[in-house]
Protein backbone atom coordinates (compact mmCIF):
# COMPACT_ATOMS: atom_id res chain seq x y z
CA MET A 1 112.73 79.19 94.25
CA ALA A 2 109.16 78.09 93.56
CA ILE A 3 107.21 79.85 90.81
CA GLU A 4 104.22 81.81 92.14
CA GLN A 5 100.88 80.29 91.08
CA ILE A 6 98.04 82.76 90.40
CA THR A 7 94.55 82.66 88.91
CA PRO A 8 93.45 84.70 85.90
CA ILE A 9 91.53 87.05 88.24
CA GLN A 10 94.70 87.63 90.27
CA ALA A 11 96.65 88.17 87.02
CA LYS A 12 94.18 90.87 85.96
CA GLU A 13 94.48 92.56 89.35
CA ILE A 14 98.29 92.57 89.07
CA LEU A 15 98.13 93.96 85.52
CA ASP A 16 95.74 96.71 86.68
CA LYS A 17 97.94 97.70 89.64
CA ASP A 18 101.34 97.38 87.94
CA PRO A 19 101.48 98.92 84.44
CA SER A 20 104.99 97.51 83.94
CA ALA A 21 103.76 93.90 84.42
CA LEU A 22 103.22 91.87 81.25
CA TYR A 23 101.05 88.88 80.30
CA LEU A 24 103.29 86.53 78.29
CA ASP A 25 101.10 84.08 76.36
CA VAL A 26 103.11 80.97 75.43
CA ARG A 27 100.37 79.26 73.40
CA SER A 28 100.78 78.57 69.69
CA MET A 29 100.30 81.42 67.23
CA VAL A 30 96.97 79.94 66.07
CA GLU A 31 95.65 79.71 69.64
CA PHE A 32 96.77 83.28 70.36
CA GLU A 33 95.12 84.64 67.19
CA ARG A 34 91.78 83.06 68.19
CA GLY A 35 91.75 85.20 71.34
CA HIS A 36 94.00 86.14 74.24
CA ALA A 37 94.18 88.32 77.31
CA GLU A 38 94.04 91.99 76.35
CA GLY A 39 97.56 93.43 76.36
CA ALA A 40 99.29 90.04 76.12
CA ILE A 41 102.20 89.30 73.82
CA ASN A 42 102.77 85.90 72.18
CA ILE A 43 106.00 83.94 72.31
CA PRO A 44 105.04 80.28 71.84
CA LEU A 45 106.83 77.62 73.86
CA LEU A 46 105.76 75.06 71.23
CA HIS A 47 104.80 75.16 67.55
CA LEU A 48 102.42 72.90 65.67
CA ASP A 49 104.31 70.73 63.17
CA GLU A 50 102.12 70.82 60.05
CA GLU A 51 103.38 67.43 58.84
CA THR A 52 102.90 65.41 62.03
CA GLN A 53 100.21 67.59 63.67
CA GLN A 54 102.27 67.30 66.87
CA MET A 55 103.50 70.13 69.06
CA VAL A 56 107.29 70.58 68.88
CA PRO A 57 109.56 72.86 70.93
CA ASN A 58 110.12 76.40 69.66
CA ALA A 59 113.91 76.52 69.33
CA ASP A 60 113.80 80.34 69.40
CA PHE A 61 111.65 80.70 72.54
CA ALA A 62 114.37 81.78 74.99
CA GLN A 63 116.16 83.95 72.42
CA VAL A 64 113.00 85.91 71.58
CA VAL A 65 112.07 86.36 75.25
CA GLU A 66 115.60 87.54 76.09
CA ALA A 67 115.59 89.97 73.14
CA HIS A 68 112.41 91.71 74.31
CA LEU A 69 112.00 91.25 78.05
CA PRO A 70 114.46 92.17 80.81
CA ARG A 71 115.19 89.45 83.37
CA ASP A 72 113.64 91.45 86.23
CA LYS A 73 110.37 92.29 84.41
CA ARG A 74 107.17 91.12 86.13
CA LEU A 75 105.95 88.34 83.81
CA LEU A 76 102.57 86.67 84.17
CA VAL A 77 102.92 83.58 82.02
CA GLY A 78 99.84 81.89 80.60
CA CYS A 79 98.89 79.17 78.14
CA MET A 80 95.61 77.29 77.60
CA ALA A 81 95.38 75.57 81.01
CA GLY A 82 98.63 76.17 82.95
CA GLY A 83 100.94 73.30 81.95
CA ARG A 84 102.94 74.86 79.13
CA SER A 85 103.18 78.12 81.04
CA GLN A 86 104.65 76.29 84.05
CA LYS A 87 107.28 74.72 81.75
CA ALA A 88 107.98 78.18 80.29
CA CYS A 89 108.36 79.64 83.80
CA ASP A 90 110.79 76.87 84.74
CA LEU A 91 112.85 77.52 81.60
CA LEU A 92 112.84 81.29 82.11
CA GLN A 93 113.86 80.88 85.73
CA GLN A 94 116.86 78.82 84.55
CA LYS A 95 117.70 81.73 82.21
CA GLY A 96 117.78 84.14 85.17
CA TYR A 97 114.27 85.58 85.14
CA THR A 98 113.31 86.45 88.70
CA ASN A 99 109.77 87.84 88.72
CA LEU A 100 107.58 85.08 87.27
CA SER A 101 104.03 83.92 87.93
CA ASN A 102 102.30 80.95 86.31
CA ILE A 103 98.62 81.55 85.53
CA LEU A 104 96.69 78.47 86.69
CA GLY A 105 93.77 77.86 84.36
CA GLY A 106 95.47 79.94 81.65
CA TYR A 107 93.16 81.15 78.91
CA GLY A 108 90.83 78.18 78.59
CA GLY A 109 90.60 76.76 82.11
CA GLY A 110 92.26 73.84 83.81
CA ARG A 111 92.94 72.13 87.12
CA ASN A 112 95.11 73.16 90.02
CA PRO A 113 97.85 70.47 90.04
CA ALA A 114 98.20 70.75 93.83
CA THR A 115 94.51 70.30 94.67
CA GLY A 116 92.88 68.93 91.51
CA GLU A 117 90.14 71.57 91.73
CA ALA A 118 88.88 73.25 88.56
CA VAL A 119 90.28 76.71 87.83
CA PRO A 120 88.41 78.87 85.29
CA GLY A 121 90.54 80.40 82.57
CA TRP A 122 90.80 84.01 81.47
CA SER A 123 88.04 83.57 78.88
CA GLN A 124 85.58 81.98 81.38
CA SER A 125 86.29 84.72 83.93
CA ASN A 126 84.82 87.44 81.69
CA LEU A 127 88.14 89.26 81.54
CA PRO A 128 89.03 91.49 78.55
CA VAL A 129 89.96 89.55 75.42
CA SER A 130 91.70 90.70 72.24
CA ARG A 131 92.46 89.19 68.83
CA ASP A 132 95.22 91.66 67.98
CA HIS A 133 98.31 89.80 66.79
CA GLY A 134 100.08 92.57 64.94
CA GLU A 135 103.32 94.47 65.41
CA GLY A 136 104.91 94.08 68.84
CA VAL A 137 102.21 91.68 70.02
CA GLY A 138 102.23 88.72 67.64
CA TYR A 139 105.09 86.25 67.53
CA GLU A 140 106.12 86.86 63.92
CA SER A 141 106.92 90.53 64.58
CA LEU A 142 108.73 89.73 67.84
CA LEU A 143 110.78 87.01 66.15
CA LYS A 144 111.85 89.37 63.32
CA LYS A 145 113.06 91.97 65.80
CA ALA A 146 114.95 89.35 67.84
CA LYS A 147 117.01 88.08 64.89
């Protein structure tokens, strides 16, 4: 089944209407700490390798998601522009997650892969932003609880 594609504005509307829905931010910890959608939690799909300065897969991604989020939870998955979040949605769908939406434009803005048109991100859409990355929100605390 195809993953639903939504804009940041649509994501905010869903979050406002459905208090059980969750914004899952799959950007790196550093990106998340610089600012993210209010109420989001961070489970990075990729980590920055300090030595090579390249992004490498987070081997614990699926395990941490499965430890904290039920497979039928409404997940709005976002990254910086929409690419990583689409990969995360595909992976989560393979793991049995059934209620997924990819946020086109993510946090920083991007392009709709189907049309090529620009899609503003969460931050450009004047939606609420947070820098909280503490207990139950930031990846380090979620990883500890998953182990």
